[in-house]
Amino acid sequence: VQLQESGPGLVKPSQTLSLTCTISGGSITTDYYYWSWIRQPPGKGLEWMGAIGYSGSTYYSPSLRSRTSISRDTSNNQFTLQLSSVTPEDTAVYYCARQVGLFNASDAWGQGTLVTVSS
């Protein structure tokens, strides 16, 4: 399976960050697969943001739940991240990834895309 993130590299403060992950070589509806968004701010560790499961159920990090929405487009085999009310602290490399089981480590990753929040 291959995953590819796409979206703007620059977002203004208070706006909504929107990224799409396109999946190839696998189906977003395959049983027991969860499709995640993970980010890494400069100089910091990885942060799991949330996931959408094979049935369409969504799961979010408690610290980001109020600002995060993950959805999917099964016809195009894509899933999307929206993060609202961004600040410069949301500047990070954003990755999409696949987990086999919600509590397991990711076994497939996109290459990552840098999103900078700045006016």
N, C-alpha and C. Protein backbone atom coordinates (compact mmCIF):
# COMPACT_ATOMS: atom_id res chain seq x y z
N VAL A 1 0.85 -1.18 0.00
CA VAL A 1 0.00 0.00 0.00
C VAL A 1 0.89 1.24 0.00
N GLN A 2 0.43 2.27 -0.67
CA GLN A 2 1.13 3.56 -0.67
C GLN A 2 0.16 4.66 -0.27
N LEU A 3 0.65 5.62 0.50
CA LEU A 3 -0.15 6.74 0.95
C LEU A 3 0.55 8.04 0.55
N GLN A 4 -0.23 9.02 0.14
CA GLN A 4 0.32 10.29 -0.31
C GLN A 4 -0.52 11.43 0.23
N GLU A 5 0.13 12.31 1.01
CA GLU A 5 -0.55 13.49 1.53
C GLU A 5 -0.56 14.61 0.49
N SER A 6 -1.59 15.42 0.52
CA SER A 6 -1.66 16.59 -0.34
C SER A 6 -2.44 17.69 0.36
N GLY A 7 -2.07 18.93 0.04
CA GLY A 7 -2.73 20.08 0.64
C GLY A 7 -1.80 21.26 0.67
N PRO A 8 -2.30 22.41 1.12
CA PRO A 8 -1.48 23.61 1.15
C PRO A 8 -0.35 23.52 2.16
N GLY A 9 0.76 24.12 1.85
CA GLY A 9 1.91 24.12 2.74
C GLY A 9 1.94 25.31 3.68
N LEU A 10 1.03 26.26 3.46
CA LEU A 10 1.00 27.47 4.29
C LEU A 10 -0.45 27.79 4.63
N VAL A 11 -0.71 27.97 5.91
CA VAL A 11 -2.05 28.30 6.39
C VAL A 11 -1.93 29.49 7.34
N LYS A 12 -2.87 30.39 7.25
CA LYS A 12 -2.84 31.57 8.14
C LYS A 12 -3.43 31.22 9.51
N PRO A 13 -2.94 31.88 10.55
CA PRO A 13 -3.52 31.68 11.88
C PRO A 13 -5.03 31.92 11.89
N SER A 14 -5.73 31.12 12.66
CA SER A 14 -7.19 31.11 12.85
C SER A 14 -7.92 30.40 11.73
N GLN A 15 -7.24 30.06 10.64
CA GLN A 15 -7.90 29.36 9.54
C GLN A 15 -7.94 27.85 9.81
N THR A 16 -8.53 27.13 8.87
CA THR A 16 -8.62 25.68 8.97
C THR A 16 -7.62 25.01 8.04
N LEU A 17 -6.83 24.13 8.62
CA LEU A 17 -5.87 23.33 7.86
C LEU A 17 -6.61 22.13 7.30
N SER A 18 -6.41 21.86 6.02
CA SER A 18 -7.08 20.73 5.38
C SER A 18 -6.08 19.94 4.55
N LEU A 19 -5.97 18.66 4.83
CA LEU A 19 -5.06 17.77 4.10
C LEU A 19 -5.82 16.52 3.66
N THR A 20 -5.42 15.98 2.53
CA THR A 20 -6.01 14.76 2.00
C THR A 20 -4.94 13.70 1.85
N CYS A 21 -5.29 12.47 2.17
CA CYS A 21 -4.40 11.33 1.97
C CYS A 21 -5.03 10.41 0.94
N THR A 22 -4.30 10.15 -0.11
CA THR A 22 -4.77 9.24 -1.15
C THR A 22 -4.09 7.90 -0.99
N ILE A 23 -4.90 6.85 -0.97
CA ILE A 23 -4.41 5.49 -0.76
C ILE A 23 -4.37 4.77 -2.10
N SER A 24 -3.26 4.09 -2.37
CA SER A 24 -3.16 3.24 -3.55
C SER A 24 -2.62 1.89 -3.14
N GLY A 25 -3.08 0.86 -3.85
CA GLY A 25 -2.63 -0.48 -3.52
C GLY A 25 -3.36 -1.11 -2.37
N GLY A 26 -4.44 -0.49 -1.94
CA GLY A 26 -5.23 -1.03 -0.85
C GLY A 26 -6.54 -0.27 -0.76
N SER A 27 -7.49 -0.81 0.00
CA SER A 27 -8.80 -0.18 0.10
C SER A 27 -9.02 0.42 1.48
N ILE A 28 -9.60 1.59 1.52
CA ILE A 28 -9.88 2.26 2.77
C ILE A 28 -10.94 1.52 3.59
N THR A 29 -11.68 0.63 2.98
CA THR A 29 -12.74 -0.10 3.69
C THR A 29 -12.33 -1.52 4.10
N THR A 30 -11.07 -1.87 3.90
CA THR A 30 -10.62 -3.21 4.29
C THR A 30 -10.79 -3.39 5.80
N ASP A 31 -11.35 -4.53 6.18
CA ASP A 31 -11.59 -4.79 7.59
C ASP A 31 -10.33 -4.64 8.44
N TYR A 32 -10.56 -4.02 9.62
CA TYR A 32 -9.56 -3.90 10.67
C TYR A 32 -8.45 -2.90 10.37
N TYR A 33 -8.55 -2.18 9.26
CA TYR A 33 -7.59 -1.13 8.98
C TYR A 33 -8.11 0.20 9.52
N TYR A 34 -7.20 0.97 10.10
CA TYR A 34 -7.50 2.30 10.59
C TYR A 34 -6.53 3.26 9.92
N TRP A 35 -7.05 4.38 9.50
CA TRP A 35 -6.28 5.34 8.71
C TRP A 35 -6.10 6.60 9.53
N SER A 36 -4.84 6.92 9.80
CA SER A 36 -4.51 7.89 10.84
C SER A 36 -3.84 9.13 10.28
N TRP A 37 -3.91 10.18 11.09
CA TRP A 37 -3.12 11.37 10.89
C TRP A 37 -2.18 11.52 12.10
N ILE A 38 -0.93 11.75 11.81
CA ILE A 38 0.12 11.90 12.81
C ILE A 38 0.95 13.11 12.42
N ARG A 39 1.39 13.88 13.39
CA ARG A 39 2.19 15.06 13.05
C ARG A 39 3.45 15.12 13.91
N GLN A 40 4.42 15.87 13.42
CA GLN A 40 5.67 16.07 14.16
C GLN A 40 6.09 17.53 14.04
N PRO A 41 5.91 18.31 15.09
CA PRO A 41 6.38 19.70 15.07
C PRO A 41 7.90 19.73 15.01
N PRO A 42 8.48 20.81 14.53
CA PRO A 42 9.95 20.91 14.44
C PRO A 42 10.59 20.67 15.80
N GLY A 43 11.53 19.75 15.84
CA GLY A 43 12.28 19.49 17.06
C GLY A 43 11.52 18.72 18.13
N LYS A 44 10.33 18.21 17.79
CA LYS A 44 9.52 17.49 18.77
C LYS A 44 9.20 16.08 18.28
N GLY A 45 8.53 15.33 19.12
CA GLY A 45 8.19 13.96 18.77
C GLY A 45 6.91 13.84 17.97
N LEU A 46 6.58 12.61 17.62
CA LEU A 46 5.38 12.33 16.87
C LEU A 46 4.14 12.45 17.76
N GLU A 47 3.07 12.98 17.17
CA GLU A 47 1.81 13.11 17.90
C GLU A 47 0.69 12.48 17.06
N TRP A 48 0.04 11.47 17.59
CA TRP A 48 -1.10 10.86 16.92
C TRP A 48 -2.30 11.79 17.08
N MET A 49 -2.94 12.15 15.98
CA MET A 49 -4.03 13.12 16.02
C MET A 49 -5.40 12.45 16.01
N GLY A 50 -5.52 11.38 15.25
CA GLY A 50 -6.81 10.73 15.14
C GLY A 50 -6.81 9.76 13.99
N ALA A 51 -7.93 9.04 13.86
CA ALA A 51 -8.03 8.02 12.82
C ALA A 51 -9.48 7.82 12.41
N ILE A 52 -9.62 7.25 11.22
CA ILE A 52 -10.93 6.81 10.76
C ILE A 52 -10.83 5.33 10.45
N GLY A 53 -11.76 4.57 10.94
CA GLY A 53 -11.71 3.13 10.79
C GLY A 53 -12.37 2.63 9.52
N TYR A 54 -12.24 1.32 9.29
CA TYR A 54 -12.76 0.69 8.09
C TYR A 54 -14.27 0.83 7.96
N SER A 55 -14.94 0.98 9.07
CA SER A 55 -16.39 1.14 9.05
C SER A 55 -16.82 2.61 8.98
N GLY A 56 -15.85 3.50 9.05
CA GLY A 56 -16.15 4.93 9.02
C GLY A 56 -16.18 5.59 10.39
N SER A 57 -16.00 4.81 11.45
CA SER A 57 -15.95 5.41 12.79
C SER A 57 -14.69 6.24 12.94
N THR A 58 -14.79 7.30 13.73
CA THR A 58 -13.65 8.18 13.93
C THR A 58 -13.20 8.19 15.38
N TYR A 59 -11.92 8.46 15.56
CA TYR A 59 -11.28 8.44 16.87
C TYR A 59 -10.31 9.61 16.90
N TYR A 60 -10.30 10.35 18.01
CA TYR A 60 -9.47 11.54 18.08
C TYR A 60 -8.67 11.58 19.36
N SER A 61 -7.50 12.22 19.26
CA SER A 61 -6.72 12.52 20.45
C SER A 61 -7.51 13.47 21.33
N PRO A 62 -7.59 13.20 22.62
CA PRO A 62 -8.36 14.09 23.50
C PRO A 62 -7.88 15.54 23.45
N SER A 63 -6.59 15.73 23.27
CA SER A 63 -6.05 17.10 23.28
C SER A 63 -6.41 17.88 22.02
N LEU A 64 -6.80 17.18 20.96
CA LEU A 64 -7.11 17.86 19.69
C LEU A 64 -8.56 17.67 19.26
N ARG A 65 -9.33 16.93 20.05
CA ARG A 65 -10.68 16.54 19.64
C ARG A 65 -11.56 17.72 19.24
N SER A 66 -11.44 18.80 19.98
CA SER A 66 -12.34 19.94 19.73
C SER A 66 -12.04 20.65 18.42
N ARG A 67 -10.85 20.43 17.87
CA ARG A 67 -10.46 21.15 16.64
C ARG A 67 -10.30 20.24 15.43
N THR A 68 -10.46 18.94 15.61
CA THR A 68 -10.10 17.98 14.55
C THR A 68 -11.31 17.27 13.99
N SER A 69 -11.28 17.08 12.67
CA SER A 69 -12.30 16.29 12.00
C SER A 69 -11.63 15.44 10.92
N ILE A 70 -11.93 14.16 10.92
CA ILE A 70 -11.41 13.26 9.89
C ILE A 70 -12.59 12.64 9.17
N SER A 71 -12.54 12.66 7.87
CA SER A 71 -13.61 12.09 7.04
C SER A 71 -12.98 11.28 5.90
N ARG A 72 -13.84 10.60 5.15
CA ARG A 72 -13.31 9.78 4.07
C ARG A 72 -14.19 9.87 2.83
N ASP A 73 -13.58 9.56 1.70
CA ASP A 73 -14.26 9.48 0.41
C ASP A 73 -13.96 8.09 -0.14
N THR A 74 -14.87 7.18 0.06
CA THR A 74 -14.59 5.80 -0.33
C THR A 74 -14.49 5.63 -1.85
N SER A 75 -15.19 6.46 -2.59
CA SER A 75 -15.15 6.33 -4.05
C SER A 75 -13.78 6.68 -4.61
N ASN A 76 -13.08 7.58 -3.92
CA ASN A 76 -11.74 7.98 -4.37
C ASN A 76 -10.62 7.41 -3.49
N ASN A 77 -11.01 6.58 -2.53
CA ASN A 77 -10.02 5.93 -1.65
C ASN A 77 -9.14 6.97 -0.94
N GLN A 78 -9.78 7.97 -0.37
CA GLN A 78 -9.08 9.07 0.28
C GLN A 78 -9.66 9.33 1.67
N PHE A 79 -8.85 9.89 2.53
CA PHE A 79 -9.37 10.41 3.78
C PHE A 79 -8.73 11.78 4.05
N THR A 80 -9.47 12.58 4.80
CA THR A 80 -9.13 13.99 4.92
C THR A 80 -9.04 14.41 6.38
N LEU A 81 -8.10 15.29 6.66
CA LEU A 81 -7.94 15.91 7.98
C LEU A 81 -8.33 17.36 7.89
N GLN A 82 -9.13 17.81 8.84
CA GLN A 82 -9.38 19.24 9.00
C GLN A 82 -9.05 19.62 10.44
N LEU A 83 -8.21 20.62 10.59
CA LEU A 83 -7.81 21.13 11.91
C LEU A 83 -8.16 22.62 11.94
N SER A 84 -9.07 22.99 12.79
CA SER A 84 -9.57 24.35 12.80
C SER A 84 -8.79 25.25 13.76
N SER A 85 -8.97 26.53 13.59
CA SER A 85 -8.40 27.55 14.49
C SER A 85 -6.91 27.32 14.73
N VAL A 86 -6.17 27.17 13.66
CA VAL A 86 -4.75 26.85 13.80
C VAL A 86 -3.96 28.05 14.33
N THR A 87 -2.87 27.72 15.00
CA THR A 87 -1.91 28.71 15.50
C THR A 87 -0.53 28.28 15.01
N PRO A 88 0.49 29.13 15.20
CA PRO A 88 1.84 28.73 14.79
C PRO A 88 2.30 27.42 15.45
N GLU A 89 1.74 27.09 16.61
CA GLU A 89 2.10 25.84 17.27
C GLU A 89 1.63 24.61 16.50
N ASP A 90 0.77 24.79 15.53
CA ASP A 90 0.32 23.68 14.68
C ASP A 90 1.25 23.45 13.49
N THR A 91 2.29 24.26 13.38
CA THR A 91 3.28 24.03 12.33
C THR A 91 3.96 22.68 12.57
N ALA A 92 3.96 21.84 11.54
CA ALA A 92 4.48 20.48 11.72
C ALA A 92 4.56 19.78 10.37
N VAL A 93 5.26 18.67 10.36
CA VAL A 93 5.15 17.73 9.25
C VAL A 93 3.97 16.82 9.56
N TYR A 94 3.03 16.75 8.66
CA TYR A 94 1.84 15.95 8.84
C TYR A 94 1.95 14.67 7.99
N TYR A 95 1.70 13.54 8.65
CA TYR A 95 1.77 12.24 7.99
C TYR A 95 0.40 11.58 8.01
N CYS A 96 0.07 10.87 6.95
CA CYS A 96 -1.03 9.93 7.03
C CYS A 96 -0.42 8.53 7.10
N ALA A 97 -1.14 7.63 7.75
CA ALA A 97 -0.58 6.31 8.01
C ALA A 97 -1.70 5.29 8.14
N ARG A 98 -1.31 4.03 8.08
CA ARG A 98 -2.26 2.93 8.25
C ARG A 98 -1.90 2.14 9.51
N GLN A 99 -2.93 1.79 10.26
CA GLN A 99 -2.77 0.92 11.41
C GLN A 99 -3.63 -0.33 11.20
N VAL A 100 -3.08 -1.47 11.55
CA VAL A 100 -3.88 -2.69 11.53
C VAL A 100 -4.33 -2.92 12.97
N GLY A 101 -5.52 -2.46 13.27
CA GLY A 101 -5.96 -2.40 14.65
C GLY A 101 -5.69 -1.02 15.20
N LEU A 102 -6.66 -0.48 15.93
CA LEU A 102 -6.57 0.92 16.36
C LEU A 102 -5.42 1.16 17.32
N PHE A 103 -5.05 0.15 18.10
CA PHE A 103 -4.03 0.37 19.13
C PHE A 103 -2.67 -0.18 18.74
N ASN A 104 -2.52 -0.52 17.47
CA ASN A 104 -1.23 -1.01 16.99
C ASN A 104 -0.46 0.10 16.29
N ALA A 105 0.83 -0.10 16.18
CA ALA A 105 1.67 0.87 15.49
C ALA A 105 1.34 0.90 14.01
N SER A 106 1.65 2.01 13.38
CA SER A 106 1.41 2.15 11.95
C SER A 106 2.41 1.30 11.17
N ASP A 107 1.89 0.64 10.12
CA ASP A 107 2.78 -0.20 9.31
C ASP A 107 2.99 0.36 7.92
N ALA A 108 2.37 1.46 7.61
CA ALA A 108 2.56 2.12 6.31
C ALA A 108 2.37 3.61 6.52
N TRP A 109 3.24 4.41 5.91
CA TRP A 109 3.25 5.86 6.12
C TRP A 109 3.33 6.58 4.78
N GLY A 110 2.75 7.75 4.72
CA GLY A 110 3.03 8.65 3.64
C GLY A 110 4.38 9.31 3.87
N GLN A 111 4.84 10.08 2.90
CA GLN A 111 6.15 10.71 3.02
C GLN A 111 6.12 11.92 3.94
N GLY A 112 4.93 12.43 4.22
CA GLY A 112 4.79 13.59 5.08
C GLY A 112 4.78 14.88 4.29
N THR A 113 4.07 15.86 4.82
CA THR A 113 4.02 17.17 4.19
C THR A 113 4.14 18.24 5.25
N LEU A 114 5.00 19.21 5.02
CA LEU A 114 5.19 20.30 5.98
C LEU A 114 4.09 21.34 5.81
N VAL A 115 3.42 21.64 6.90
CA VAL A 115 2.45 22.71 6.92
C VAL A 115 2.93 23.77 7.90
N THR A 116 3.05 24.96 7.42
CA THR A 116 3.50 26.10 8.23
C THR A 116 2.31 27.02 8.47
N VAL A 117 2.12 27.38 9.74
CA VAL A 117 1.06 28.32 10.09
C VAL A 117 1.71 29.67 10.34
N SER A 118 1.43 30.61 9.48
CA SER A 118 2.05 31.92 9.57
C SER A 118 1.22 32.93 8.79
N SER A 119 1.25 34.15 9.27
CA SER A 119 0.56 35.21 8.55
C SER A 119 1.46 35.84 7.51
